[in-house]
Amino acid sequence: MQLKPLGDRIVVKPATQEEVTKSGIVLPDTVDKEKKEQGEVIAIGSGEKIQKLGLKTGDLVLFGKYSGDEVKVENEEYKILKDEDILAILEK
């Protein structure tokens, strides 16, 4: 990939999720939901604040649904997030 975030930003590849109700109805991610998003960290900037978070490439993170800026590079969707957009790191 040729996308390198600057300062206190990271590049995240959002995970696509579809929700299944108890009755088996599949709700696509286009349904308006106020859920938090998650994604995989692809690249990390060199800013001081983002380094303090201890993120590394490959981490799964939670971020707000409307956080960051969406970009498309080589037909792949990514989000560029600031350090304060990261809500949590999902540990395995």
PDB file of N, CA and C in Angstrom:
ATOM      1  N   MET A   1       0.829  -1.164   0.000  1.00  0.00           N
ATOM      2  CA  MET A   1       0.000   0.000   0.000  1.00  0.00           C
ATOM      3  C   MET A   1       0.884   1.242   0.000  1.00  0.00           C
ATOM      4  N   GLN A   2       0.384   2.303  -0.579  1.00  0.00           N
ATOM      5  CA  GLN A   2       1.167   3.524  -0.693  1.00  0.00           C
ATOM      6  C   GLN A   2       0.579   4.653   0.134  1.00  0.00           C
ATOM      7  N   LEU A   3      -0.115   4.329   1.199  1.00  0.00           N
ATOM      8  CA  LEU A   3      -0.778   5.315   2.036  1.00  0.00           C
ATOM      9  C   LEU A   3      -0.078   5.366   3.379  1.00  0.00           C
ATOM     10  N   LYS A   4       0.555   6.508   3.691  1.00  0.00           N
ATOM     11  CA  LYS A   4       1.272   6.658   4.954  1.00  0.00           C
ATOM     12  C   LYS A   4       0.673   7.841   5.708  1.00  0.00           C
ATOM     13  N   PRO A   5       0.083   7.579   6.876  1.00  0.00           N
ATOM     14  CA  PRO A   5      -0.528   8.666   7.639  1.00  0.00           C
ATOM     15  C   PRO A   5       0.521   9.588   8.252  1.00  0.00           C
ATOM     16  N   LEU A   6       0.163  10.845   8.401  1.00  0.00           N
ATOM     17  CA  LEU A   6       1.073  11.822   8.984  1.00  0.00           C
ATOM     18  C   LEU A   6       0.638  12.163  10.408  1.00  0.00           C
ATOM     19  N   GLY A   7       1.596  12.522  11.224  1.00  0.00           N
ATOM     20  CA  GLY A   7       1.307  12.974  12.583  1.00  0.00           C
ATOM     21  C   GLY A   7       0.606  11.937  13.430  1.00  0.00           C
ATOM     22  N   ASP A   8      -0.441  12.383  14.102  1.00  0.00           N
ATOM     23  CA  ASP A   8      -1.169  11.524  15.040  1.00  0.00           C
ATOM     24  C   ASP A   8      -2.368  10.856  14.377  1.00  0.00           C
ATOM     25  N   ARG A   9      -2.155  10.259  13.229  1.00  0.00           N
ATOM     26  CA  ARG A   9      -3.230   9.587  12.502  1.00  0.00           C
ATOM     27  C   ARG A   9      -2.844   8.137  12.228  1.00  0.00           C
ATOM     28  N   ILE A  10      -3.890   7.318  12.034  1.00  0.00           N
ATOM     29  CA  ILE A  10      -3.667   5.937  11.629  1.00  0.00           C
ATOM     30  C   ILE A  10      -4.604   5.613  10.479  1.00  0.00           C
ATOM     31  N   VAL A  11      -4.222   4.605   9.702  1.00  0.00           N
ATOM     32  CA  VAL A  11      -5.069   4.104   8.618  1.00  0.00           C
ATOM     33  C   VAL A  11      -5.647   2.783   9.081  1.00  0.00           C
ATOM     34  N   VAL A  12      -6.979   2.656   8.984  1.00  0.00           N
ATOM     35  CA  VAL A  12      -7.695   1.468   9.428  1.00  0.00           C
ATOM     36  C   VAL A  12      -8.516   0.932   8.273  1.00  0.00           C
ATOM     37  N   LYS A  13      -8.508  -0.382   8.105  1.00  0.00           N
ATOM     38  CA  LYS A  13      -9.387  -1.026   7.133  1.00  0.00           C
ATOM     39  C   LYS A  13     -10.613  -1.495   7.903  1.00  0.00           C
ATOM     40  N   PRO A  14     -11.761  -0.827   7.694  1.00  0.00           N
ATOM     41  CA  PRO A  14     -12.965  -1.197   8.444  1.00  0.00           C
ATOM     42  C   PRO A  14     -13.414  -2.625   8.148  1.00  0.00           C
ATOM     43  N   ALA A  15     -13.854  -3.309   9.188  1.00  0.00           N
ATOM     44  CA  ALA A  15     -14.398  -4.659   9.038  1.00  0.00           C
ATOM     45  C   ALA A  15     -15.865  -4.524   8.670  1.00  0.00           C
ATOM     46  N   THR A  16     -16.295  -5.218   7.640  1.00  0.00           N
ATOM     47  CA  THR A  16     -17.698  -5.189   7.272  1.00  0.00           C
ATOM     48  C   THR A  16     -18.429  -6.214   8.116  1.00  0.00           C
ATOM     49  N   GLN A  17     -19.537  -5.780   8.677  1.00  0.00           N
ATOM     50  CA  GLN A  17     -20.304  -6.664   9.547  1.00  0.00           C
ATOM     51  C   GLN A  17     -21.749  -6.639   9.096  1.00  0.00           C
ATOM     52  N   GLU A  18     -22.370  -7.789   9.120  1.00  0.00           N
ATOM     53  CA  GLU A  18     -23.809  -7.818   8.941  1.00  0.00           C
ATOM     54  C   GLU A  18     -24.386  -8.469  10.180  1.00  0.00           C
ATOM     55  N   GLU A  19     -25.496  -7.944  10.600  1.00  0.00           N
ATOM     56  CA  GLU A  19     -26.114  -8.409  11.834  1.00  0.00           C
ATOM     57  C   GLU A  19     -27.278  -9.321  11.500  1.00  0.00           C
ATOM     58  N   VAL A  20     -27.406 -10.392  12.259  1.00  0.00           N
ATOM     59  CA  VAL A  20     -28.506 -11.331  12.071  1.00  0.00           C
ATOM     60  C   VAL A  20     -29.406 -11.255  13.306  1.00  0.00           C
ATOM     61  N   THR A  21     -30.697 -11.016  13.068  1.00  0.00           N
ATOM     62  CA  THR A  21     -31.647 -10.963  14.178  1.00  0.00           C
ATOM     63  C   THR A  21     -31.921 -12.374  14.695  1.00  0.00           C
ATOM     64  N   LYS A  22     -32.616 -12.473  15.824  1.00  0.00           N
ATOM     65  CA  LYS A  22     -32.941 -13.779  16.404  1.00  0.00           C
ATOM     66  C   LYS A  22     -33.790 -14.623  15.472  1.00  0.00           C
ATOM     67  N   SER A  23     -34.602 -13.962  14.641  1.00  0.00           N
ATOM     68  CA  SER A  23     -35.455 -14.708  13.711  1.00  0.00           C
ATOM     69  C   SER A  23     -34.735 -15.061  12.408  1.00  0.00           C
ATOM     70  N   GLY A  24     -33.452 -14.678  12.283  1.00  0.00           N
ATOM     71  CA  GLY A  24     -32.668 -15.064  11.121  1.00  0.00           C
ATOM     72  C   GLY A  24     -32.631 -14.037  10.003  1.00  0.00           C
ATOM     73  N   ILE A  25     -33.194 -12.843  10.227  1.00  0.00           N
ATOM     74  CA  ILE A  25     -33.168 -11.796   9.200  1.00  0.00           C
ATOM     75  C   ILE A  25     -31.801 -11.130   9.221  1.00  0.00           C
ATOM     76  N   VAL A  26     -31.176 -11.019   8.056  1.00  0.00           N
ATOM     77  CA  VAL A  26     -29.864 -10.400   7.945  1.00  0.00           C
ATOM     78  C   VAL A  26     -30.049  -8.910   7.714  1.00  0.00           C
ATOM     79  N   LEU A  27     -29.459  -8.100   8.618  1.00  0.00           N
ATOM     80  CA  LEU A  27     -29.490  -6.653   8.476  1.00  0.00           C
ATOM     81  C   LEU A  27     -28.153  -6.202   7.903  1.00  0.00           C
ATOM     82  N   PRO A  28     -28.132  -5.669   6.682  1.00  0.00           N
ATOM     83  CA  PRO A  28     -26.871  -5.214   6.117  1.00  0.00           C
ATOM     84  C   PRO A  28     -26.342  -4.001   6.872  1.00  0.00           C
ATOM     85  N   ASP A  29     -25.064  -3.680   6.660  1.00  0.00           N
ATOM     86  CA  ASP A  29     -24.485  -2.560   7.389  1.00  0.00           C
ATOM     87  C   ASP A  29     -25.032  -1.215   6.918  1.00  0.00           C
ATOM     88  N   THR A  30     -25.913  -1.189   5.921  1.00  0.00           N
ATOM     89  CA  THR A  30     -26.518   0.059   5.483  1.00  0.00           C
ATOM     90  C   THR A  30     -27.680   0.467   6.371  1.00  0.00           C
ATOM     91  N   VAL A  31     -28.166  -0.435   7.196  1.00  0.00           N
ATOM     92  CA  VAL A  31     -29.228  -0.110   8.134  1.00  0.00           C
ATOM     93  C   VAL A  31     -28.650   0.854   9.171  1.00  0.00           C
ATOM     94  N   ASP A  32     -29.399   1.938   9.425  1.00  0.00           N
ATOM     95  CA  ASP A  32     -28.912   2.961  10.342  1.00  0.00           C
ATOM     96  C   ASP A  32     -28.840   2.420  11.767  1.00  0.00           C
ATOM     97  N   LYS A  33     -27.617   2.211  12.242  1.00  0.00           N
ATOM     98  CA  LYS A  33     -27.385   1.704  13.583  1.00  0.00           C
ATOM     99  C   LYS A  33     -26.369   2.617  14.256  1.00  0.00           C
ATOM    100  N   GLU A  34     -26.485   2.783  15.520  1.00  0.00           N
ATOM    101  CA  GLU A  34     -25.545   3.606  16.268  1.00  0.00           C
ATOM    102  C   GLU A  34     -24.492   2.728  16.944  1.00  0.00           C
ATOM    103  N   LYS A  35     -24.021   1.711  16.253  1.00  0.00           N
ATOM    104  CA  LYS A  35     -22.998   0.828  16.786  1.00  0.00           C
ATOM    105  C   LYS A  35     -21.627   1.410  16.520  1.00  0.00           C
ATOM    106  N   LYS A  36     -20.694   1.001  17.319  1.00  0.00           N
ATOM    107  CA  LYS A  36     -19.307   1.390  17.088  1.00  0.00           C
ATOM    108  C   LYS A  36     -18.740   0.516  15.985  1.00  0.00           C
ATOM    109  N   GLU A  37     -17.806   1.055  15.257  1.00  0.00           N
ATOM    110  CA  GLU A  37     -17.154   0.342  14.167  1.00  0.00           C
ATOM    111  C   GLU A  37     -15.865  -0.297  14.679  1.00  0.00           C
ATOM    112  N   GLN A  38     -15.408  -1.301  13.965  1.00  0.00           N
ATOM    113  CA  GLN A  38     -14.101  -1.875  14.267  1.00  0.00           C
ATOM    114  C   GLN A  38     -13.348  -2.096  12.974  1.00  0.00           C
ATOM    115  N   GLY A  39     -12.043  -2.159  13.091  1.00  0.00           N
ATOM    116  CA  GLY A  39     -11.220  -2.365  11.916  1.00  0.00           C
ATOM    117  C   GLY A  39      -9.803  -2.725  12.292  1.00  0.00           C
ATOM    118  N   GLU A  40      -9.039  -3.068  11.273  1.00  0.00           N
ATOM    119  CA  GLU A  40      -7.646  -3.490  11.458  1.00  0.00           C
ATOM    120  C   GLU A  40      -6.719  -2.339  11.127  1.00  0.00           C
ATOM    121  N   VAL A  41      -5.737  -2.109  12.000  1.00  0.00           N
ATOM    122  CA  VAL A  41      -4.753  -1.055  11.786  1.00  0.00           C
ATOM    123  C   VAL A  41      -3.829  -1.471  10.645  1.00  0.00           C
ATOM    124  N   ILE A  42      -3.753  -0.623   9.626  1.00  0.00           N
ATOM    125  CA  ILE A  42      -2.923  -0.896   8.447  1.00  0.00           C
ATOM    126  C   ILE A  42      -1.614  -0.122   8.500  1.00  0.00           C
ATOM    127  N   ALA A  43      -1.678   1.152   8.921  1.00  0.00           N
ATOM    128  CA  ALA A  43      -0.480   1.995   8.995  1.00  0.00           C
ATOM    129  C   ALA A  43      -0.641   2.982  10.138  1.00  0.00           C
ATOM    130  N   ILE A  44       0.481   3.376  10.732  1.00  0.00           N
ATOM    131  CA  ILE A  44       0.476   4.265  11.895  1.00  0.00           C
ATOM    132  C   ILE A  44       1.394   5.441  11.611  1.00  0.00           C
ATOM    133  N   GLY A  45       0.908   6.650  11.948  1.00  0.00           N
ATOM    134  CA  GLY A  45       1.725   7.852  11.803  1.00  0.00           C
ATOM    135  C   GLY A  45       2.814   7.894  12.864  1.00  0.00           C
ATOM    136  N   SER A  46       3.673   8.897  12.759  1.00  0.00           N
ATOM    137  CA  SER A  46       4.807   8.978  13.687  1.00  0.00           C
ATOM    138  C   SER A  46       4.610  10.033  14.765  1.00  0.00           C
ATOM    139  N   GLY A  47       3.383  10.513  14.946  1.00  0.00           N
ATOM    140  CA  GLY A  47       3.110  11.527  15.953  1.00  0.00           C
ATOM    141  C   GLY A  47       3.262  10.999  17.372  1.00  0.00           C
ATOM    142  N   GLU A  48       3.519  11.922  18.296  1.00  0.00           N
ATOM    143  CA  GLU A  48       3.768  11.546  19.688  1.00  0.00           C
ATOM    144  C   GLU A  48       2.528  10.951  20.356  1.00  0.00           C
ATOM    145  N   LYS A  49       1.347  11.533  20.119  1.00  0.00           N
ATOM    146  CA  LYS A  49       0.119  11.050  20.767  1.00  0.00           C
ATOM    147  C   LYS A  49      -0.244   9.649  20.300  1.00  0.00           C
ATOM    148  N   ILE A  50      -0.117   9.376  19.027  1.00  0.00           N
ATOM    149  CA  ILE A  50      -0.492   8.057  18.496  1.00  0.00           C
ATOM    150  C   ILE A  50       0.495   6.994  18.958  1.00  0.00           C
ATOM    151  N   GLN A  51       1.755   7.361  19.140  1.00  0.00           N
ATOM    152  CA  GLN A  51       2.755   6.412  19.627  1.00  0.00           C
ATOM    153  C   GLN A  51       2.469   6.014  21.077  1.00  0.00           C
ATOM    154  N   LYS A  52       1.912   6.947  21.868  1.00  0.00           N
ATOM    155  CA  LYS A  52       1.597   6.655  23.273  1.00  0.00           C
ATOM    156  C   LYS A  52       0.485   5.623  23.414  1.00  0.00           C
ATOM    157  N   LEU A  53      -0.354   5.469  22.384  1.00  0.00           N
ATOM    158  CA  LEU A  53      -1.431   4.483  22.448  1.00  0.00           C
ATOM    159  C   LEU A  53      -0.908   3.053  22.381  1.00  0.00           C
ATOM    160  N   GLY A  54       0.302   2.866  21.885  1.00  0.00           N
ATOM    161  CA  GLY A  54       0.887   1.527  21.818  1.00  0.00           C
ATOM    162  C   GLY A  54       0.293   0.664  20.720  1.00  0.00           C
ATOM    163  N   LEU A  55      -0.231   1.289  19.686  1.00  0.00           N
ATOM    164  CA  LEU A  55      -0.802   0.531  18.571  1.00  0.00           C
ATOM    165  C   LEU A  55       0.291  -0.072  17.712  1.00  0.00           C
ATOM    166  N   LYS A  56      -0.060  -1.176  17.069  1.00  0.00           N
ATOM    167  CA  LYS A  56       0.851  -1.762  16.085  1.00  0.00           C
ATOM    168  C   LYS A  56       0.026  -2.256  14.902  1.00  0.00           C
ATOM    169  N   THR A  57       0.648  -2.406  13.781  1.00  0.00           N
ATOM    170  CA  THR A  57      -0.026  -2.883  12.586  1.00  0.00           C
ATOM    171  C   THR A  57      -0.639  -4.250  12.852  1.00  0.00           C
ATOM    172  N   GLY A  58      -1.901  -4.408  12.453  1.00  0.00           N
ATOM    173  CA  GLY A  58      -2.601  -5.670  12.667  1.00  0.00           C
ATOM    174  C   GLY A  58      -3.538  -5.654  13.858  1.00  0.00           C
ATOM    175  N   ASP A  59      -3.422  -4.658  14.741  1.00  0.00           N
ATOM    176  CA  ASP A  59      -4.333  -4.558  15.891  1.00  0.00           C
ATOM    177  C   ASP A  59      -5.757  -4.306  15.413  1.00  0.00           C
ATOM    178  N   LEU A  60      -6.726  -4.824  16.152  1.00  0.00           N
ATOM    179  CA  LEU A  60      -8.138  -4.516  15.913  1.00  0.00           C
ATOM    180  C   LEU A  60      -8.535  -3.407  16.880  1.00  0.00           C
ATOM    181  N   VAL A  61      -9.144  -2.347  16.351  1.00  0.00           N
ATOM    182  CA  VAL A  61      -9.532  -1.206  17.173  1.00  0.00           C
ATOM    183  C   VAL A  61     -11.007  -0.878  16.977  1.00  0.00           C
ATOM    184  N   LEU A  62     -11.593  -0.243  17.984  1.00  0.00           N
ATOM    185  CA  LEU A  62     -12.954   0.278  17.904  1.00  0.00           C
ATOM    186  C   LEU A  62     -12.876   1.783  17.711  1.00  0.00           C
ATOM    187  N   PHE A  63     -13.764   2.304  16.866  1.00  0.00           N
ATOM    188  CA  PHE A  63     -13.830   3.749  16.637  1.00  0.00           C
ATOM    189  C   PHE A  63     -15.281   4.113  16.368  1.00  0.00           C
ATOM    190  N   GLY A  64     -15.611   5.381  16.497  1.00  0.00           N
ATOM    191  CA  GLY A  64     -16.974   5.841  16.289  1.00  0.00           C
ATOM    192  C   GLY A  64     -17.424   5.676  14.845  1.00  0.00           C
ATOM    193  N   LYS A  65     -18.713   5.463  14.638  1.00  0.00           N
ATOM    194  CA  LYS A  65     -19.273   5.213  13.316  1.00  0.00           C
ATOM    195  C   LYS A  65     -18.960   6.340  12.338  1.00  0.00           C
ATOM    196  N   TYR A  66     -19.007   7.569  12.805  1.00  0.00           N
ATOM    197  CA  TYR A  66     -18.801   8.710  11.909  1.00  0.00           C
ATOM    198  C   TYR A  66     -17.434   9.359  12.093  1.00  0.00           C
ATOM    199  N   SER A  67     -16.502   8.658  12.713  1.00  0.00           N
ATOM    200  CA  SER A  67     -15.160   9.187  12.949  1.00  0.00           C
ATOM    201  C   SER A  67     -14.302   9.097  11.702  1.00  0.00           C
ATOM    202  N   GLY A  68     -13.349   9.982  11.602  1.00  0.00           N
ATOM    203  CA  GLY A  68     -12.338   9.911  10.561  1.00  0.00           C
ATOM    204  C   GLY A  68     -12.832  10.254   9.175  1.00  0.00           C
ATOM    205  N   ASP A  69     -11.922  10.098   8.224  1.00  0.00           N
ATOM    206  CA  ASP A  69     -12.193  10.380   6.822  1.00  0.00           C
ATOM    207  C   ASP A  69     -12.046   9.107   6.018  1.00  0.00           C
ATOM    208  N   GLU A  70     -13.006   8.864   5.131  1.00  0.00           N
ATOM    209  CA  GLU A  70     -12.959   7.678   4.282  1.00  0.00           C
ATOM    210  C   GLU A  70     -12.170   7.980   3.017  1.00  0.00           C
ATOM    211  N   VAL A  71     -11.312   7.044   2.645  1.00  0.00           N
ATOM    212  CA  VAL A  71     -10.551   7.157   1.402  1.00  0.00           C
ATOM    213  C   VAL A  71     -10.600   5.817   0.678  1.00  0.00           C
ATOM    214  N   LYS A  72     -10.400   5.869  -0.620  1.00  0.00           N
ATOM    215  CA  LYS A  72     -10.374   4.653  -1.419  1.00  0.00           C
ATOM    216  C   LYS A  72      -9.048   4.620  -2.186  1.00  0.00           C
ATOM    217  N   VAL A  73      -8.273   3.565  -1.943  1.00  0.00           N
ATOM    218  CA  VAL A  73      -6.980   3.398  -2.596  1.00  0.00           C
ATOM    219  C   VAL A  73      -6.949   2.013  -3.218  1.00  0.00           C
ATOM    220  N   GLU A  74      -6.706   1.951  -4.517  1.00  0.00           N
ATOM    221  CA  GLU A  74      -6.636   0.681  -5.241  1.00  0.00           C
ATOM    222  C   GLU A  74      -7.879  -0.175  -4.986  1.00  0.00           C
ATOM    223  N   ASN A  75      -9.055   0.442  -5.083  1.00  0.00           N
ATOM    224  CA  ASN A  75     -10.357  -0.218  -4.903  1.00  0.00           C
ATOM    225  C   ASN A  75     -10.581  -0.791  -3.506  1.00  0.00           C
ATOM    226  N   GLU A  76      -9.832  -0.340  -2.526  1.00  0.00           N
ATOM    227  CA  GLU A  76     -10.015  -0.748  -1.133  1.00  0.00           C
ATOM    228  C   GLU A  76     -10.439   0.477  -0.323  1.00  0.00           C
ATOM    229  N   GLU A  77     -11.406   0.277   0.579  1.00  0.00           N
ATOM    230  CA  GLU A  77     -11.894   1.346   1.449  1.00  0.00           C
ATOM    231  C   GLU A  77     -11.065   1.390   2.728  1.00  0.00           C
ATOM    232  N   TYR A  78     -10.642   2.580   3.122  1.00  0.00           N
ATOM    233  CA  TYR A  78      -9.895   2.780   4.354  1.00  0.00           C
ATOM    234  C   TYR A  78     -10.455   3.983   5.089  1.00  0.00           C
ATOM    235  N   LYS A  79     -10.152   4.065   6.377  1.00  0.00           N
ATOM    236  CA  LYS A  79     -10.479   5.240   7.171  1.00  0.00           C
ATOM    237  C   LYS A  79      -9.184   5.778   7.746  1.00  0.00           C
ATOM    238  N   ILE A  80      -9.047   7.102   7.714  1.00  0.00           N
ATOM    239  CA  ILE A  80      -7.916   7.757   8.356  1.00  0.00           C
ATOM    240  C   ILE A  80      -8.459   8.397   9.628  1.00  0.00           C
ATOM    241  N   LEU A  81      -7.950   7.937  10.756  1.00  0.00           N
ATOM    242  CA  LEU A  81      -8.449   8.360  12.062  1.00  0.00           C
ATOM    243  C   LEU A  81      -7.385   9.114  12.835  1.00  0.00           C
ATOM    244  N   LYS A  82      -7.838  10.043  13.668  1.00  0.00           N
ATOM    245  CA  LYS A  82      -6.943  10.739  14.587  1.00  0.00           C
ATOM    246  C   LYS A  82      -6.822   9.914  15.860  1.00  0.00           C
ATOM    247  N   ASP A  83      -5.842  10.242  16.675  1.00  0.00           N
ATOM    248  CA  ASP A  83      -5.628   9.496  17.911  1.00  0.00           C
ATOM    249  C   ASP A  83      -6.859   9.512  18.817  1.00  0.00           C
ATOM    250  N   GLU A  84      -7.596  10.628  18.882  1.00  0.00           N
ATOM    251  CA  GLU A  84      -8.757  10.686  19.773  1.00  0.00           C
ATOM    252  C   GLU A  84      -9.968   9.934  19.236  1.00  0.00           C
ATOM    253  N   ASP A  85      -9.924   9.496  17.958  1.00  0.00           N
ATOM    254  CA  ASP A  85     -11.016   8.704  17.384  1.00  0.00           C
ATOM    255  C   ASP A  85     -10.977   7.246  17.830  1.00  0.00           C
ATOM    256  N   ILE A  86      -9.827   6.777  18.303  1.00  0.00           N
ATOM    257  CA  ILE A  86      -9.675   5.387  18.729  1.00  0.00           C
ATOM    258  C   ILE A  86     -10.272   5.240  20.126  1.00  0.00           C
ATOM    259  N   LEU A  87     -11.282   4.376  20.229  1.00  0.00           N
ATOM    260  CA  LEU A  87     -11.977   4.180  21.506  1.00  0.00           C
ATOM    261  C   LEU A  87     -11.368   3.047  22.323  1.00  0.00           C
ATOM    262  N   ALA A  88     -10.929   1.972  21.654  1.00  0.00           N
ATOM    263  CA  ALA A  88     -10.399   0.808  22.363  1.00  0.00           C
ATOM    264  C   ALA A  88      -9.633  -0.083  21.415  1.00  0.00           C
ATOM    265  N   ILE A  89      -8.770  -0.899  21.986  1.00  0.00           N
ATOM    266  CA  ILE A  89      -8.062  -1.932  21.238  1.00  0.00           C
ATOM    267  C   ILE A  89      -8.701  -3.260  21.628  1.00  0.00           C
ATOM    268  N   LEU A  90      -9.088  -4.060  20.648  1.00  0.00           N
ATOM    269  CA  LEU A  90      -9.673  -5.375  20.920  1.00  0.00           C
ATOM    270  C   LEU A  90      -8.543  -6.377  21.118  1.00  0.00           C
ATOM    271  N   GLU A  91      -8.489  -6.964  22.281  1.00  0.00           N
ATOM    272  CA  GLU A  91      -7.462  -7.965  22.561  1.00  0.00           C
ATOM    273  C   GLU A  91      -8.022  -9.342  22.336  1.00  0.00           C
ATOM    274  N   LYS A  92      -7.173 -10.240  21.860  1.00  0.00           N
ATOM    275  CA  LYS A  92      -7.597 -11.605  21.548  1.00  0.00           C
ATOM    276  C   LYS A  92      -7.550 -12.485  22.753  1.00  0.00           C
TER     277      LYS A  92
END
